[in-house]
N, C-alpha and C. Protein backbone atom coordinates (compact mmCIF):
# COMPACT_ATOMS: atom_id res chain seq x y z
N MET A 1 121.23 38.28 104.13
CA MET A 1 122.58 37.74 104.13
C MET A 1 122.86 37.12 105.49
N ASP A 2 123.56 36.04 105.51
CA ASP A 2 123.85 35.29 106.71
C ASP A 2 124.94 35.98 107.52
N ARG A 3 124.76 36.08 108.83
CA ARG A 3 125.73 36.72 109.71
C ARG A 3 126.92 35.81 110.03
N GLU A 4 126.89 34.56 109.57
CA GLU A 4 127.99 33.64 109.82
C GLU A 4 129.27 34.09 109.11
N ALA A 5 129.17 35.02 108.16
CA ALA A 5 130.34 35.47 107.41
C ALA A 5 131.18 36.48 108.19
N ALA A 6 130.71 36.91 109.35
CA ALA A 6 131.41 37.94 110.11
C ALA A 6 132.86 37.59 110.44
N PRO A 7 133.20 36.34 110.86
CA PRO A 7 134.61 36.05 111.13
C PRO A 7 135.50 36.26 109.91
N GLY A 8 135.01 35.96 108.72
CA GLY A 8 135.77 36.21 107.50
C GLY A 8 136.05 37.69 107.31
N MET A 9 135.10 38.50 107.71
CA MET A 9 135.29 39.94 107.60
C MET A 9 136.38 40.40 108.57
N LEU A 10 136.44 39.79 109.74
CA LEU A 10 137.50 40.14 110.68
C LEU A 10 138.86 39.77 110.12
N PHE A 11 138.94 38.61 109.48
CA PHE A 11 140.20 38.20 108.86
C PHE A 11 140.59 39.21 107.78
N ARG A 12 139.62 39.59 106.97
CA ARG A 12 139.91 40.53 105.89
C ARG A 12 140.41 41.85 106.46
N ARG A 13 139.82 42.33 107.57
CA ARG A 13 140.23 43.59 108.16
C ARG A 13 141.68 43.51 108.65
N SER A 14 142.04 42.39 109.29
CA SER A 14 143.42 42.26 109.76
C SER A 14 144.38 42.16 108.58
N LEU A 15 143.93 41.53 107.51
CA LEU A 15 144.75 41.44 106.30
C LEU A 15 144.97 42.83 105.72
N VAL A 16 143.90 43.62 105.68
CA VAL A 16 144.00 44.98 105.15
C VAL A 16 145.00 45.79 105.96
N ASP A 17 144.90 45.73 107.28
CA ASP A 17 145.83 46.48 108.12
C ASP A 17 147.27 46.02 107.90
N GLY A 18 147.47 44.73 107.73
CA GLY A 18 148.81 44.19 107.53
C GLY A 18 149.39 44.55 106.17
N VAL A 19 148.53 44.75 105.18
CA VAL A 19 148.98 45.09 103.83
C VAL A 19 149.35 46.56 103.74
N ALA A 20 148.50 47.40 104.25
CA ALA A 20 148.66 48.83 103.98
C ALA A 20 149.83 49.46 104.71
N SER A 21 150.10 49.06 105.93
CA SER A 21 151.14 49.74 106.70
C SER A 21 152.52 49.68 106.06
N PRO A 22 153.07 48.49 105.76
CA PRO A 22 154.40 48.48 105.14
C PRO A 22 154.38 49.05 103.73
N ALA A 23 153.27 48.87 103.03
CA ALA A 23 153.20 49.36 101.65
C ALA A 23 153.24 50.88 101.61
N ARG A 24 152.63 51.52 102.57
CA ARG A 24 152.63 52.99 102.60
C ARG A 24 154.04 53.54 102.60
N HIS A 25 154.90 52.96 103.42
CA HIS A 25 156.28 53.45 103.50
C HIS A 25 157.03 53.20 102.21
N ARG A 26 156.87 52.01 101.63
CA ARG A 26 157.58 51.69 100.39
C ARG A 26 157.07 52.53 99.23
N LEU A 27 155.76 52.74 99.14
CA LEU A 27 155.21 53.52 98.04
C LEU A 27 155.62 54.98 98.16
N ALA A 28 155.70 55.49 99.37
CA ALA A 28 156.12 56.87 99.56
C ALA A 28 157.57 57.07 99.12
N ASP A 29 158.36 56.01 99.20
CA ASP A 29 159.75 56.09 98.78
C ASP A 29 159.91 55.88 97.28
N GLY A 30 158.79 55.74 96.55
CA GLY A 30 158.85 55.63 95.10
C GLY A 30 158.89 54.21 94.58
N ALA A 31 158.51 53.23 95.38
CA ALA A 31 158.49 51.85 94.91
C ALA A 31 157.54 51.74 93.72
N SER A 32 157.88 50.88 92.80
CA SER A 32 157.09 50.71 91.60
C SER A 32 155.78 50.00 91.89
N LEU A 33 154.78 50.30 91.07
CA LEU A 33 153.49 49.64 91.19
C LEU A 33 153.20 48.75 89.98
N ARG A 34 154.20 48.48 89.17
CA ARG A 34 154.01 47.65 87.99
C ARG A 34 153.75 46.20 88.37
N ALA A 35 153.06 45.50 87.51
CA ALA A 35 152.76 44.09 87.75
C ALA A 35 154.06 43.33 87.97
N GLY A 36 154.04 42.46 88.95
CA GLY A 36 155.21 41.66 89.25
C GLY A 36 156.18 42.35 90.20
N GLU A 37 156.01 43.64 90.41
CA GLU A 37 156.89 44.37 91.31
C GLU A 37 156.18 44.80 92.58
N ALA A 38 154.88 44.52 92.66
CA ALA A 38 154.10 44.97 93.82
C ALA A 38 154.57 44.29 95.11
N ARG A 39 155.11 43.08 95.03
CA ARG A 39 155.59 42.42 96.24
C ARG A 39 156.67 43.26 96.91
N GLY A 40 157.48 43.95 96.13
CA GLY A 40 158.49 44.82 96.70
C GLY A 40 157.88 46.03 97.39
N ALA A 41 156.63 46.32 97.09
CA ALA A 41 155.96 47.47 97.71
C ALA A 41 155.21 47.07 98.97
N GLY A 42 155.39 45.86 99.43
CA GLY A 42 154.76 45.45 100.67
C GLY A 42 153.67 44.43 100.51
N GLN A 43 153.49 43.90 99.33
CA GLN A 43 152.44 42.92 99.09
C GLN A 43 152.81 41.60 99.73
N PRO A 44 151.97 41.08 100.63
CA PRO A 44 152.28 39.81 101.28
C PRO A 44 152.22 38.63 100.32
N ASP A 45 152.97 37.58 100.62
CA ASP A 45 152.94 36.37 99.82
C ASP A 45 151.53 35.80 99.81
N GLY A 46 151.13 35.26 98.67
CA GLY A 46 149.82 34.63 98.57
C GLY A 46 148.70 35.60 98.29
N LEU A 47 148.98 36.88 98.15
CA LEU A 47 147.95 37.88 97.88
C LEU A 47 148.18 38.40 96.46
N SER A 48 147.18 38.21 95.59
CA SER A 48 147.34 38.66 94.22
C SER A 48 147.40 40.19 94.17
N GLN A 49 147.88 40.69 93.04
CA GLN A 49 147.99 42.14 92.88
C GLN A 49 146.61 42.78 93.00
N TRP A 50 145.58 42.14 92.47
CA TRP A 50 144.22 42.67 92.55
C TRP A 50 143.75 42.74 94.00
N HIS A 51 143.98 41.66 94.76
CA HIS A 51 143.57 41.66 96.16
C HIS A 51 144.36 42.67 96.98
N PHE A 52 145.63 42.80 96.67
CA PHE A 52 146.46 43.80 97.34
C PHE A 52 145.88 45.20 97.12
N ALA A 53 145.57 45.53 95.87
CA ALA A 53 145.04 46.85 95.55
C ALA A 53 143.70 47.08 96.25
N ARG A 54 142.87 46.06 96.27
CA ARG A 54 141.56 46.16 96.92
C ARG A 54 141.72 46.36 98.44
N ALA A 55 142.61 45.58 99.05
CA ALA A 55 142.84 45.70 100.49
C ALA A 55 143.45 47.06 100.83
N PHE A 56 144.36 47.52 100.00
CA PHE A 56 145.00 48.82 100.23
C PHE A 56 143.95 49.93 100.16
N LYS A 57 143.08 49.87 99.15
CA LYS A 57 142.04 50.90 99.01
C LYS A 57 141.06 50.85 100.17
N ALA A 58 140.74 49.65 100.65
CA ALA A 58 139.84 49.52 101.80
C ALA A 58 140.47 50.16 103.04
N SER A 59 141.77 50.07 103.16
CA SER A 59 142.46 50.61 104.34
C SER A 59 142.68 52.11 104.25
N THR A 60 143.03 52.61 103.08
CA THR A 60 143.42 54.01 102.95
C THR A 60 142.36 54.90 102.29
N GLY A 61 141.43 54.28 101.58
CA GLY A 61 140.44 55.05 100.83
C GLY A 61 140.93 55.46 99.46
N LEU A 62 142.17 55.10 99.13
CA LEU A 62 142.76 55.45 97.84
C LEU A 62 143.39 54.22 97.22
N SER A 63 143.43 54.20 95.90
CA SER A 63 144.16 53.12 95.23
C SER A 63 145.65 53.30 95.53
N PRO A 64 146.44 52.22 95.42
CA PRO A 64 147.88 52.38 95.65
C PRO A 64 148.51 53.45 94.75
N HIS A 65 148.08 53.49 93.49
CA HIS A 65 148.64 54.48 92.57
C HIS A 65 148.30 55.90 93.00
N ARG A 66 147.04 56.15 93.35
CA ARG A 66 146.64 57.49 93.77
C ARG A 66 147.34 57.88 95.07
N TRP A 67 147.47 56.92 95.98
CA TRP A 67 148.15 57.19 97.23
C TRP A 67 149.61 57.56 96.98
N GLN A 68 150.24 56.82 96.06
CA GLN A 68 151.64 57.10 95.74
C GLN A 68 151.78 58.49 95.10
N LEU A 69 150.88 58.83 94.21
CA LEU A 69 150.94 60.17 93.61
C LEU A 69 150.78 61.25 94.67
N ASN A 70 149.85 61.06 95.60
CA ASN A 70 149.68 62.03 96.68
C ASN A 70 150.98 62.18 97.48
N ALA A 71 151.61 61.06 97.80
CA ALA A 71 152.86 61.09 98.58
C ALA A 71 153.97 61.79 97.79
N ARG A 72 154.05 61.51 96.50
CA ARG A 72 155.07 62.15 95.67
C ARG A 72 154.86 63.66 95.57
N ILE A 73 153.61 64.07 95.40
CA ILE A 73 153.33 65.50 95.28
C ILE A 73 153.59 66.21 96.60
N ALA A 74 153.25 65.58 97.72
CA ALA A 74 153.54 66.17 99.03
C ALA A 74 155.05 66.35 99.21
N LYS A 75 155.82 65.35 98.80
CA LYS A 75 157.28 65.44 98.90
C LYS A 75 157.81 66.51 97.95
N ALA A 76 157.22 66.61 96.76
CA ALA A 76 157.62 67.65 95.80
C ALA A 76 157.38 69.03 96.39
N GLN A 77 156.26 69.21 97.09
CA GLN A 77 155.98 70.49 97.72
C GLN A 77 157.03 70.82 98.77
N GLN A 78 157.43 69.84 99.56
CA GLN A 78 158.48 70.06 100.56
C GLN A 78 159.78 70.49 99.89
N LEU A 79 160.14 69.78 98.82
CA LEU A 79 161.39 70.09 98.13
C LEU A 79 161.34 71.44 97.44
N LEU A 80 160.17 71.80 96.89
CA LEU A 80 160.03 73.12 96.27
C LEU A 80 160.19 74.23 97.31
N LEU A 81 159.64 74.02 98.48
CA LEU A 81 159.77 75.03 99.54
C LEU A 81 161.21 75.17 100.02
N SER A 82 161.95 74.07 100.02
CA SER A 82 163.34 74.14 100.48
C SER A 82 164.22 74.89 99.50
N GLY A 83 163.85 74.85 98.22
CA GLY A 83 164.61 75.56 97.20
C GLY A 83 165.96 74.95 96.88
N SER A 84 166.21 73.74 97.37
CA SER A 84 167.53 73.13 97.19
C SER A 84 167.68 72.37 95.88
N MET A 85 166.57 72.12 95.18
CA MET A 85 166.63 71.34 93.94
C MET A 85 165.78 72.01 92.87
N SER A 86 166.16 71.80 91.62
CA SER A 86 165.36 72.30 90.51
C SER A 86 164.15 71.38 90.31
N GLN A 87 163.19 71.84 89.53
CA GLN A 87 162.02 70.99 89.26
C GLN A 87 162.42 69.71 88.54
N ALA A 88 163.38 69.79 87.65
CA ALA A 88 163.84 68.59 86.93
C ALA A 88 164.47 67.59 87.90
N GLN A 89 165.28 68.09 88.83
CA GLN A 89 165.90 67.21 89.83
C GLN A 89 164.85 66.58 90.74
N ILE A 90 163.87 67.37 91.14
CA ILE A 90 162.78 66.86 91.99
C ILE A 90 162.02 65.76 91.25
N ALA A 91 161.71 66.02 89.98
CA ALA A 91 160.95 65.04 89.19
C ALA A 91 161.68 63.70 89.14
N LEU A 92 162.95 63.73 88.85
CA LEU A 92 163.72 62.49 88.75
C LEU A 92 163.88 61.82 90.12
N ALA A 93 164.09 62.62 91.17
CA ALA A 93 164.26 62.06 92.51
C ALA A 93 163.00 61.37 93.01
N LEU A 94 161.84 61.83 92.56
CA LEU A 94 160.57 61.28 93.04
C LEU A 94 159.98 60.23 92.11
N GLY A 95 160.70 59.87 91.05
CA GLY A 95 160.26 58.79 90.20
C GLY A 95 159.40 59.19 89.02
N PHE A 96 159.31 60.47 88.73
CA PHE A 96 158.60 60.91 87.53
C PHE A 96 159.52 60.74 86.34
N ALA A 97 158.95 60.53 85.16
CA ALA A 97 159.75 60.28 83.96
C ALA A 97 160.59 61.50 83.59
N GLU A 98 160.02 62.68 83.78
CA GLU A 98 160.71 63.93 83.44
C GLU A 98 159.98 65.09 84.10
N GLN A 99 160.52 66.27 83.96
CA GLN A 99 159.94 67.45 84.61
C GLN A 99 158.50 67.69 84.15
N SER A 100 158.23 67.51 82.86
CA SER A 100 156.87 67.77 82.37
C SER A 100 155.86 66.81 82.99
N HIS A 101 156.28 65.58 83.29
CA HIS A 101 155.40 64.61 83.94
C HIS A 101 155.06 65.10 85.35
N LEU A 102 156.05 65.56 86.09
CA LEU A 102 155.81 66.13 87.42
C LEU A 102 154.86 67.32 87.32
N CYS A 103 155.12 68.22 86.39
CA CYS A 103 154.29 69.41 86.25
C CYS A 103 152.84 69.07 85.92
N ARG A 104 152.65 68.10 85.05
CA ARG A 104 151.29 67.69 84.66
C ARG A 104 150.53 67.10 85.85
N VAL A 105 151.17 66.19 86.58
CA VAL A 105 150.52 65.56 87.73
C VAL A 105 150.30 66.58 88.85
N PHE A 106 151.29 67.43 89.09
CA PHE A 106 151.19 68.46 90.12
C PHE A 106 149.99 69.36 89.84
N LYS A 107 149.85 69.81 88.60
CA LYS A 107 148.74 70.70 88.25
C LYS A 107 147.40 69.99 88.41
N GLN A 108 147.33 68.72 88.02
CA GLN A 108 146.08 67.96 88.17
C GLN A 108 145.67 67.86 89.64
N MET A 109 146.64 67.67 90.50
CA MET A 109 146.33 67.41 91.91
C MET A 109 146.24 68.67 92.76
N VAL A 110 147.05 69.67 92.47
CA VAL A 110 147.11 70.88 93.30
C VAL A 110 146.28 72.01 92.68
N GLY A 111 146.17 72.01 91.37
CA GLY A 111 145.39 73.04 90.70
C GLY A 111 146.21 74.09 89.99
N VAL A 112 147.49 74.16 90.31
CA VAL A 112 148.39 75.10 89.65
C VAL A 112 149.72 74.39 89.39
N PRO A 113 150.49 74.86 88.41
CA PRO A 113 151.80 74.26 88.16
C PRO A 113 152.76 74.48 89.34
N PRO A 114 153.81 73.68 89.43
CA PRO A 114 154.74 73.80 90.55
C PRO A 114 155.35 75.20 90.71
N ALA A 115 155.74 75.82 89.61
CA ALA A 115 156.36 77.15 89.70
C ALA A 115 155.38 78.17 90.27
N ALA A 116 154.13 78.14 89.84
CA ALA A 116 153.12 79.07 90.35
C ALA A 116 152.85 78.78 91.83
N TRP A 117 152.78 77.51 92.20
CA TRP A 117 152.57 77.14 93.60
C TRP A 117 153.73 77.65 94.46
N GLN A 118 154.95 77.49 93.96
CA GLN A 118 156.14 77.92 94.70
C GLN A 118 156.13 79.44 94.87
N ARG A 119 155.77 80.17 93.80
CA ARG A 119 155.68 81.64 93.89
C ARG A 119 154.63 82.06 94.92
N ASP A 120 153.48 81.36 94.90
CA ASP A 120 152.41 81.70 95.86
C ASP A 120 152.88 81.46 97.29
N GLN A 121 153.61 80.37 97.52
CA GLN A 121 154.10 80.07 98.86
C GLN A 121 155.13 81.09 99.30
N ASP A 122 156.01 81.51 98.37
CA ASP A 122 156.99 82.54 98.69
C ASP A 122 156.31 83.86 99.04
N HIS A 123 155.26 84.19 98.27
CA HIS A 123 154.53 85.42 98.50
C HIS A 123 153.82 85.38 99.85
N LEU A 124 153.22 84.25 100.20
CA LEU A 124 152.54 84.11 101.49
C LEU A 124 153.53 84.20 102.65
N GLY A 125 154.73 83.67 102.43
CA GLY A 125 155.77 83.70 103.47
C GLY A 125 156.27 85.09 103.76
N ARG A 126 156.27 85.95 102.75
CA ARG A 126 156.77 87.32 102.93
C ARG A 126 155.71 88.26 103.46
N SER A 127 154.45 87.89 103.32
CA SER A 127 153.35 88.79 103.76
C SER A 127 153.21 88.83 105.25
């Protein structure tokens, strides 16, 4: 392969850095990832949704959707620890369709349902 392509790689790297930073904040706040709405999540003009997703994954190691789920679950854990909201309220506040959607995703990512995780955290706090 020809080494003349290196400057293009530098451009791509700067593009990746420029895409991921603002998108991280918007996605963590629950911005939608649906087609046509990605620009609101930090997608620069002139960058297709496919290129945005590819650049984001190159920067973070995760797809935008997976990154957003991680951010939502981390926020759900914070809210569960605070005890100020019910699981249904947390689900709606974080953009899940309903409580069962939050519970399903939480279990897939953490390994236990939210209520069991919350009980374990309470138990660890008292020990």
